Protein backbone atom coordinates (compact mmCIF):
# COMPACT_ATOMS: atom_id res chain seq x y z
CA MET A 1 31.61 -1.19 -17.07
CA ASN A 2 29.93 -4.23 -16.02
CA ALA A 3 30.68 -7.17 -13.43
CA SER A 4 29.00 -9.63 -11.55
CA SER A 5 27.97 -9.08 -7.56
CA HIS A 6 26.84 -11.35 -4.55
CA LEU A 7 25.27 -10.67 -1.47
CA ALA A 8 27.88 -9.93 1.47
CA ASP A 9 27.51 -11.57 4.45
CA THR A 10 26.82 -9.14 7.64
CA PRO A 11 26.99 -11.14 10.81
CA GLU A 12 27.02 -7.82 12.98
CA ASN A 13 23.55 -7.12 11.64
CA ALA A 14 21.48 -9.84 9.97
CA ALA A 15 18.38 -7.64 9.30
CA THR A 16 20.74 -5.31 6.89
CA THR A 17 21.25 -6.69 3.59
CA MET A 18 24.50 -5.69 1.67
CA ILE A 19 24.98 -5.80 -1.93
CA ALA A 20 28.30 -5.84 -3.54
CA TRP A 21 29.84 -5.39 -7.00
CA ILE A 22 33.03 -4.71 -9.19
CA GLU A 23 33.39 -1.08 -10.71
CA GLN A 24 36.06 0.22 -13.08
CA ARG A 25 37.97 3.20 -11.20
CA ASP A 26 41.34 4.70 -11.53
CA GLY A 27 42.23 2.06 -14.33
CA GLY A 28 41.64 -0.96 -12.25
CA GLU A 29 38.79 -2.87 -10.76
CA THR A 30 37.37 -1.85 -7.21
CA ARG A 31 34.74 -3.91 -5.22
CA LEU A 32 32.40 -1.77 -3.83
CA GLN A 33 29.64 -2.47 -1.09
CA GLU A 34 26.40 -0.63 -0.02
CA ARG A 35 23.29 -1.32 2.04
CA TRP A 36 20.30 -2.49 0.08
CA GLN A 37 17.06 -0.42 0.70
CA SER A 38 13.81 -1.47 -0.12
CA GLU A 39 10.49 -0.71 1.65
CA SER A 40 8.38 -2.36 -0.79
CA GLY A 41 10.12 -5.86 0.09
CA LEU A 42 11.83 -5.95 -3.32
CA ALA A 43 14.70 -8.61 -3.06
CA ALA A 44 18.06 -7.64 -3.56
CA PRO A 45 19.34 -8.41 -7.11
CA LYS A 46 21.89 -11.30 -6.83
CA ARG A 47 24.08 -9.68 -9.70
CA ILE A 48 24.61 -6.51 -10.43
CA VAL A 49 26.23 -4.53 -13.42
CA VAL A 50 27.22 -0.95 -13.90
CA ALA A 51 25.09 1.05 -16.49
CA ASP A 52 25.00 4.47 -17.71
CA ASP A 53 23.46 6.37 -20.75
CA THR A 54 25.25 4.36 -23.24
CA MET A 55 23.17 1.33 -22.41
CA ASN A 56 20.39 0.97 -24.69
CA ALA A 57 16.91 0.00 -23.71
CA ASP A 58 16.98 -3.52 -25.41
CA THR A 59 20.21 -4.45 -23.27
CA ALA A 60 18.85 -3.04 -20.05
CA PHE A 61 15.45 -5.11 -20.48
CA ARG A 62 17.44 -8.49 -21.06
CA LEU A 63 19.53 -7.82 -18.01
CA ALA A 64 16.61 -6.72 -15.88
CA SER A 65 14.43 -9.70 -17.19
CA GLU A 66 17.19 -12.01 -16.05
CA GLY A 67 17.23 -10.76 -12.54
CA THR A 68 20.33 -8.48 -13.29
CA GLY A 69 20.37 -5.25 -11.09
CA LEU A 70 21.48 -2.26 -13.12
CA LEU A 71 23.25 0.37 -11.03
CA TRP A 72 22.68 3.86 -12.79
CA ARG A 73 25.95 6.08 -13.08
CA GLY A 74 24.63 8.22 -15.93
CA ASP A 75 22.02 11.04 -15.94
CA PHE A 76 19.23 10.69 -13.36
CA GLN A 77 16.60 11.96 -16.24
CA ASN A 78 17.77 9.09 -18.54
CA ALA A 79 17.18 6.79 -16.05
CA ARG A 80 13.64 7.76 -15.83
CA GLN A 81 13.55 7.74 -19.52
CA LEU A 82 14.80 4.23 -19.50
CA LEU A 83 12.75 3.05 -16.82
CA GLN A 84 9.55 4.23 -18.84
CA ALA A 85 11.22 2.09 -21.80
CA LEU A 86 11.44 -0.95 -19.66
CA ALA A 87 7.64 -0.46 -18.86
CA ARG A 88 6.87 -0.33 -22.68
CA ARG A 89 8.78 -3.52 -23.37
CA ILE A 90 6.72 -5.06 -20.48
CA GLU A 91 3.50 -4.12 -22.06
CA GLN A 92 4.44 -5.17 -25.54
CA ARG A 93 5.79 -8.52 -24.40
CA ALA A 94 2.28 -9.15 -22.52
CA ALA A 95 0.42 -8.13 -25.63
CA ARG A 96 2.24 -10.69 -27.77
CA LYS A 97 1.36 -13.53 -25.47
CA PRO A 98 -2.14 -13.06 -24.25
CA ARG A 99 -3.10 -15.44 -21.55
CA LYS A 100 -6.85 -15.98 -21.57
CA PRO A 101 -8.13 -17.32 -18.28
CA GLU A 102 -10.91 -19.70 -17.76
CA THR A 103 -12.36 -18.46 -14.75
CA PRO A 104 -12.25 -15.22 -12.55
CA VAL A 105 -9.62 -16.80 -10.11
CA GLU A 106 -7.37 -17.70 -12.88
CA ALA A 107 -7.60 -14.00 -14.21
CA PHE A 108 -6.89 -12.74 -10.79
CA ASN A 109 -3.82 -14.97 -10.52
CA PHE A 110 -2.39 -14.16 -13.88
CA HIS A 111 -2.58 -10.56 -12.89
CA ARG A 112 -1.10 -10.89 -9.75
CA GLN A 113 1.68 -13.13 -11.35
CA ALA A 114 2.18 -10.17 -13.97
CA GLN A 115 2.13 -7.39 -11.40
CA ALA A 116 4.83 -9.23 -9.45
CA GLN A 117 7.18 -9.88 -12.50
CA ARG A 118 6.58 -6.34 -13.49
CA ALA A 119 7.68 -5.13 -10.38
CA ARG A 120 10.84 -7.16 -10.12
CA THR A 121 11.62 -6.40 -13.49
CA LEU A 122 11.36 -2.49 -13.30
CA GLY A 123 12.81 -2.75 -9.75
CA MET A 124 16.25 -3.72 -11.19
CA LEU A 125 17.49 -0.08 -12.41
CA LEU A 126 19.02 0.97 -9.23
CA ILE A 127 20.27 4.43 -7.82
CA PRO A 128 22.77 4.89 -5.62
CA VAL A 129 22.13 7.47 -2.57
CA GLU A 130 24.89 8.96 -0.34
CA ASP A 131 24.63 9.48 3.27
CA ASP A 132 22.88 12.84 3.37
CA TYR A 133 20.17 11.52 1.21
CA MET A 134 21.84 13.09 -2.10
CA ILE A 135 22.00 11.49 -5.42
CA PRO A 136 25.31 11.72 -6.91
CA LEU A 137 24.12 11.91 -10.37
CA ARG A 138 23.43 14.64 -12.84
CA ARG A 139 20.13 16.38 -12.98
CA ALA A 140 19.12 14.43 -9.80
CA PRO A 141 16.35 15.76 -7.87
CA ASP A 142 16.40 16.55 -4.23
CA ILE A 143 15.14 13.70 -2.25
CA ARG A 144 16.24 14.76 1.58
CA GLN A 145 12.76 15.87 2.56
CA PRO A 146 10.79 12.77 1.01
CA CYS A 147 13.71 10.43 2.64
CA ASN A 148 13.35 11.96 5.74
CA GLU A 149 9.70 11.74 5.99
CA ALA A 150 9.70 8.03 4.78
CA TYR A 151 12.96 6.94 6.60
CA GLY A 152 13.84 9.49 9.40
CA ALA A 153 17.21 10.41 10.13
CA ALA A 154 19.97 9.22 7.69
CA ARG A 155 21.88 6.02 8.29
CA GLY A 156 24.41 5.87 5.45
CA PRO A 157 24.45 5.51 2.02
CA PHE A 158 22.51 2.93 0.31
CA VAL A 159 21.29 1.63 -3.13
CA ILE A 160 17.59 1.57 -3.98
CA ALA A 161 15.31 0.87 -7.14
CA LEU A 162 14.69 3.94 -9.20
CA ARG A 163 10.94 3.18 -8.66
CA GLU A 164 10.98 3.42 -4.94
CA ILE A 165 12.49 6.98 -5.30
CA LEU A 166 9.91 7.98 -7.59
CA GLY A 167 7.46 6.48 -4.89
CA LEU A 168 8.90 8.51 -2.31
CA ILE A 169 8.62 11.61 -4.45
CA GLY A 170 4.89 10.88 -5.10
CA ALA A 171 4.23 10.42 -1.40
CA HIS A 172 5.57 13.55 -0.58
CA GLY A 173 3.70 15.29 -2.91
CA TRP A 174 0.30 13.56 -1.61
CA ARG A 175 1.54 14.22 1.85
CA LYS A 176 2.24 17.94 1.21
CA GLU A 177 -0.80 18.51 -1.00
CA GLY A 178 -3.18 16.17 0.46
CA VAL A 179 -6.31 14.42 -1.19
CA GLU A 180 -9.67 16.03 -1.17
CA ILE A 181 -12.20 14.32 0.75
CA PRO A 182 -16.05 15.18 -0.35
CA ALA A 183 -17.41 13.16 2.75
CA LEU A 184 -15.20 15.23 5.06
CA GLY A 185 -15.21 18.55 3.38
CA ALA A 186 -11.69 18.86 3.95
CA ARG A 187 -8.22 16.95 2.77
CA ILE A 188 -6.45 14.21 4.22
CA HIS A 189 -2.55 14.15 3.98
CA PRO A 190 -1.67 10.35 3.71
CA TYR A 191 2.21 9.47 4.53
CA TYR A 192 4.53 7.43 2.87
CA GLY A 193 3.56 3.74 3.35
CA VAL A 194 -0.11 4.42 4.38
CA PHE A 195 -3.02 3.87 1.87
CA SER A 196 -4.39 6.91 0.59
CA PRO A 197 -8.28 7.18 0.93
CA LEU A 198 -8.99 7.51 -2.83
CA ARG A 199 -12.03 5.47 -2.65
CA GLY A 200 -14.87 8.05 -1.88
CA GLU A 201 -18.04 5.84 -2.03
CA TYR A 202 -17.35 3.89 1.14
CA LEU A 203 -16.75 7.21 2.86
CA GLU A 204 -20.04 8.76 1.66
CA LEU A 205 -21.90 5.54 3.22
CA ILE A 206 -20.08 6.57 6.45
CA ALA A 207 -21.02 10.11 6.15
CA SER A 208 -24.79 9.22 5.48
CA THR A 209 -25.75 6.27 7.69
CA PRO A 210 -27.64 7.12 10.89
CA LEU A 211 -25.37 6.98 13.73
CA PRO A 212 -26.91 4.71 16.75
CA ALA A 213 -25.20 7.07 19.34
CA THR A 214 -22.81 10.05 19.65
CA THR A 215 -20.85 9.43 22.64
CA LEU A 216 -18.35 7.06 21.65
CA ALA A 217 -17.11 5.31 18.43
CA PHE A 218 -14.13 2.96 17.69
CA ASP A 219 -12.14 2.89 14.44
CA ILE A 220 -10.31 -0.29 13.88
CA GLY A 221 -7.41 0.07 11.53
CA THR A 222 -7.78 3.96 11.13
CA GLY A 223 -4.78 4.38 8.52
CA THR A 224 -4.88 7.87 7.66
CA GLY A 225 -7.72 8.75 10.26
CA VAL A 226 -10.13 9.59 7.54
CA ILE A 227 -13.02 7.48 9.25
CA ALA A 228 -12.40 8.71 12.37
CA ALA A 229 -12.42 12.53 11.60
CA ILE A 230 -15.51 11.63 9.42
CA LEU A 231 -17.11 10.39 12.53
CA ALA A 232 -15.89 13.34 14.65
CA ARG A 233 -17.12 15.79 12.33
CA ARG A 234 -20.53 14.22 12.19
CA GLY A 235 -20.75 15.02 16.09
CA VAL A 236 -19.39 11.62 17.75
CA GLN A 237 -17.91 12.99 20.70
CA HIS A 238 -15.02 10.62 21.29
CA VAL A 239 -13.55 8.40 18.84
CA VAL A 240 -10.73 6.02 19.62
CA ALA A 241 -8.95 5.03 16.62
CA THR A 242 -6.70 2.40 16.60
CA ASP A 243 -3.80 1.01 14.10
CA GLN A 244 -0.43 -1.13 14.69
CA ASP A 245 1.43 0.63 11.98
CA ALA A 246 4.06 3.47 13.34
CA ARG A 247 3.69 5.27 10.06
CA ALA A 248 -0.02 5.06 10.16
CA LEU A 249 -0.49 6.44 13.72
CA SER A 250 1.73 9.42 13.08
CA CYS A 251 -0.01 10.03 10.20
CA ALA A 252 -3.51 9.76 11.81
CA ARG A 253 -2.29 12.18 14.63
CA ASP A 254 -1.06 14.71 12.02
CA ASN A 255 -4.43 14.76 10.13
CA MET A 256 -6.43 15.17 13.61
CA ASN A 257 -3.86 18.25 14.34
CA ARG A 258 -4.50 19.63 10.75
CA LEU A 259 -8.46 19.05 11.20
CA GLU A 260 -8.24 20.36 14.91
CA LEU A 261 -9.87 17.38 16.09
CA THR A 262 -7.57 16.20 18.68
CA ASP A 263 -9.92 16.94 21.47
CA ARG A 264 -12.40 14.31 19.72
CA VAL A 265 -10.05 11.94 18.24
CA GLU A 266 -7.97 9.51 20.42
CA ILE A 267 -5.06 7.59 18.38
CA VAL A 268 -4.22 4.51 20.19
CA LYS A 269 -1.68 1.81 18.89
CA ALA A 270 -3.72 -1.39 19.41
CA ASP A 271 -4.20 -5.00 17.60
CA LEU A 272 -7.53 -4.37 16.42
CA PHE A 273 -9.70 -3.15 19.26
CA PRO A 274 -8.67 -0.71 22.27
CA GLN A 275 -9.97 -1.50 25.81
CA GLY A 276 -13.47 -1.22 26.79
CA LYS A 277 -16.96 -1.29 24.78
CA ALA A 278 -18.45 1.16 22.49
CA PRO A 279 -21.96 1.60 20.72
CA LEU A 280 -20.56 2.07 17.12
CA ILE A 281 -17.38 0.24 16.07
CA VAL A 282 -16.30 0.97 12.15
CA CYS A 283 -13.76 -1.36 10.36
CA ASN A 284 -12.78 -1.16 6.69
CA PRO A 285 -10.49 -4.10 6.28
CA PRO A 286 -8.69 -5.18 3.46
CA TRP A 287 -11.07 -6.32 0.90
CA ILE A 288 -9.11 -9.38 -0.93
CA PRO A 289 -8.18 -12.57 0.94
CA ALA A 290 -4.78 -12.93 -0.93
CA ARG A 291 -1.07 -12.24 -0.17
CA PRO A 292 0.30 -8.76 -0.94
CA ASN A 293 3.38 -8.44 -3.00
CA ALA A 294 4.45 -5.29 -1.08
CA ALA A 295 4.01 -3.49 2.16
CA ILE A 296 1.63 -1.02 1.11
CA GLU A 297 -0.78 -3.54 -0.36
CA HIS A 298 -1.93 -4.74 3.17
CA ALA A 299 -4.50 -2.29 2.96
CA ILE A 300 -6.13 -4.27 -0.11
CA TYR A 301 -4.89 -7.74 0.34
CA ASP A 302 -5.65 -9.81 3.63
CA PRO A 303 -4.30 -13.31 3.50
CA ASP A 304 -6.88 -15.72 4.63
CA SER A 305 -9.29 -12.99 5.61
CA ARG A 306 -7.31 -12.50 8.99
CA MET A 307 -8.11 -9.13 9.71
CA LEU A 308 -11.89 -9.29 8.73
CA ARG A 309 -12.23 -12.58 10.88
CA GLY A 310 -10.32 -11.05 13.83
CA PHE A 311 -12.67 -7.86 13.52
CA LEU A 312 -15.93 -10.28 13.43
CA ASP A 313 -14.57 -12.45 16.23
CA GLY A 314 -13.99 -9.64 18.55
CA LEU A 315 -16.68 -7.30 17.75
CA ALA A 316 -19.48 -8.46 20.07
CA ALA A 317 -17.34 -8.35 23.16
CA HIS A 318 -16.64 -4.90 22.26
CA LEU A 319 -19.95 -3.73 21.63
CA THR A 320 -22.28 -2.07 24.39
CA ALA A 321 -25.98 -3.18 24.48
CA SER A 322 -27.52 -2.42 21.52
CA GLY A 323 -24.38 -1.35 19.98
CA GLN A 324 -23.63 -1.55 16.13
CA GLY A 325 -20.73 -2.62 14.10
CA TRP A 326 -20.12 -1.10 10.82
CA LEU A 327 -18.63 -3.54 8.28
CA ILE A 328 -17.28 -1.49 5.13
CA LEU A 329 -16.54 -4.21 2.58
CA SER A 330 -16.47 -4.37 -1.23
CA ASP A 331 -17.75 -7.88 -2.86
CA LEU A 332 -14.81 -7.61 -5.35
CA ALA A 333 -13.32 -10.93 -3.79
CA GLU A 334 -16.80 -12.60 -4.47
CA HIS A 335 -16.73 -11.46 -8.19
CA LEU A 336 -13.06 -12.88 -8.30
CA GLY A 337 -13.90 -16.31 -6.98
CA LEU A 338 -11.95 -15.84 -3.87
CA ARG A 339 -14.42 -15.69 -1.25
CA THR A 340 -18.26 -16.52 -1.50
CA ARG A 341 -21.27 -14.45 0.01
CA ALA A 342 -22.38 -17.78 1.87
CA ALA A 343 -18.70 -17.72 3.36
CA LEU A 344 -18.93 -14.03 4.76
CA LEU A 345 -22.38 -14.75 6.23
CA ALA A 346 -21.25 -17.77 7.92
CA MET A 347 -18.21 -15.80 9.45
CA ILE A 348 -20.71 -13.23 10.67
CA ALA A 349 -22.97 -15.85 12.14
CA GLU A 350 -20.19 -17.78 13.81
CA ALA A 351 -18.84 -14.40 15.59
CA GLY A 352 -22.26 -14.34 17.40
CA LEU A 353 -23.32 -11.58 14.94
CA LYS A 354 -26.74 -10.67 13.10
CA VAL A 355 -27.33 -8.35 10.05
CA LEU A 356 -29.42 -5.48 10.94
CA GLU A 357 -29.17 -3.96 7.25
CA ARG A 358 -26.58 -3.59 4.31
CA LEU A 359 -26.10 -0.34 2.49
CA ASP A 360 -24.59 -0.70 -1.00
CA THR A 361 -22.78 1.60 -3.54
CA ARG A 362 -21.03 1.41 -6.75
CA PRO A 363 -17.44 2.13 -6.96
CA THR A 364 -16.70 5.57 -8.65
CA HIS A 365 -13.18 5.29 -9.10
CA PRO A 366 -12.13 5.13 -12.84
CA ARG A 367 -10.71 1.57 -12.85
CA ALA A 368 -14.18 0.12 -12.68
CA LYS A 369 -14.95 1.57 -16.19
CA ASP A 370 -11.60 0.83 -17.63
CA GLU A 371 -12.35 -2.11 -20.23
CA SER A 372 -8.60 -2.55 -20.68
CA ASP A 373 -8.26 -3.97 -17.22
CA PRO A 374 -7.59 -7.82 -16.61
CA LEU A 375 -10.08 -7.71 -14.05
CA HIS A 376 -12.43 -5.48 -15.69
CA GLU A 377 -15.57 -8.08 -15.66
CA ALA A 378 -15.28 -8.15 -11.86
CA ARG A 379 -14.59 -4.54 -11.06
CA ALA A 380 -17.54 -3.61 -13.11
CA ALA A 381 -19.92 -6.07 -10.88
CA GLU A 382 -18.38 -4.74 -7.92
CA VAL A 383 -20.61 -3.16 -4.89
CA THR A 384 -19.16 -1.74 -1.79
CA SER A 385 -21.38 -2.53 1.44
CA LEU A 386 -21.84 -1.12 4.97
CA TRP A 387 -23.16 -4.09 6.81
CA ARG A 388 -24.68 -2.91 9.99
CA LEU A 389 -24.06 -5.67 12.66
CA ALA A 390 -24.89 -6.37 16.06
CA ALA A 391 -24.67 -9.23 18.87
CA GLN A 392 -27.12 -11.85 18.66
């Protein structure tokens, strides 16, 4: 039950990628074609074979490692088990060929390369999804609600990596149950594709640093809206929260509705700053100046520090007299050798800003103490800071 495939030409819609494969049906070979779906930016496999419960993990791993997509026609739960078996083989292979980096930058690059390769290999296990968001496999879960939340109304059948389906299901759980935010005293409900506020240490800084004013604040790159909510709960009368991502804007609005803060928090689509000036402007940009491997990683990775530079360069022009900008930034990039403290201070000075104060806190997330993490040395030294900035 296997044959090669290729990408089909789709001149009527260049933005849509189609995949095609040959399958045994009714005693003969049939060429099938479906739309490729990948929110993570995973490239469509150039070759596909049909796989089912008879395929063993070693064969699946060999094919997936070669970049061959495995279109699953067996039991869904068996596919999940196969995915776990593939992950174990990736870990075993990495353990047999340890790469000892000489510098923090090399450690980071090796780690990112391994992450990308792992994602590509595991992304080769594919699942068909029908027009109504139903999976035509035995023991398959009902993914209609997770798909509607992530994609909107169905646009026809498609093929997707099993990992992305599991991500949809996980994101639905986060959205339904929410994430407890001690600094807020409430739960935030992240949407699929919107970074979940799991790093509580920087939120505690925002919740405890004295406010320069309570009339107005801007929250730049609001995401789930958690920072805007904390500011409003602290007594800021009007918070303007901006973002460019449609999902983030919808997520933030939903959270403000849940928290009954719509009278205080205004959600605005904007590239960084809204119109006007404010006595307090807060931004928590991505911390690491590197290229993201997937869409969700834009909350962590900021190529060439574009968002950081944009915030700093535009801050002075949007602050009122004696106003403050709060930059929330981890120094992990410094420990990885990706940015120096001198470079950050130069960015601040070149933007016509001065540092009033820097408030530091240590990370509390489990990875900071995980000695098996390839970046453990850098994570163990990491400090997250709230930089109080003002115009010179």
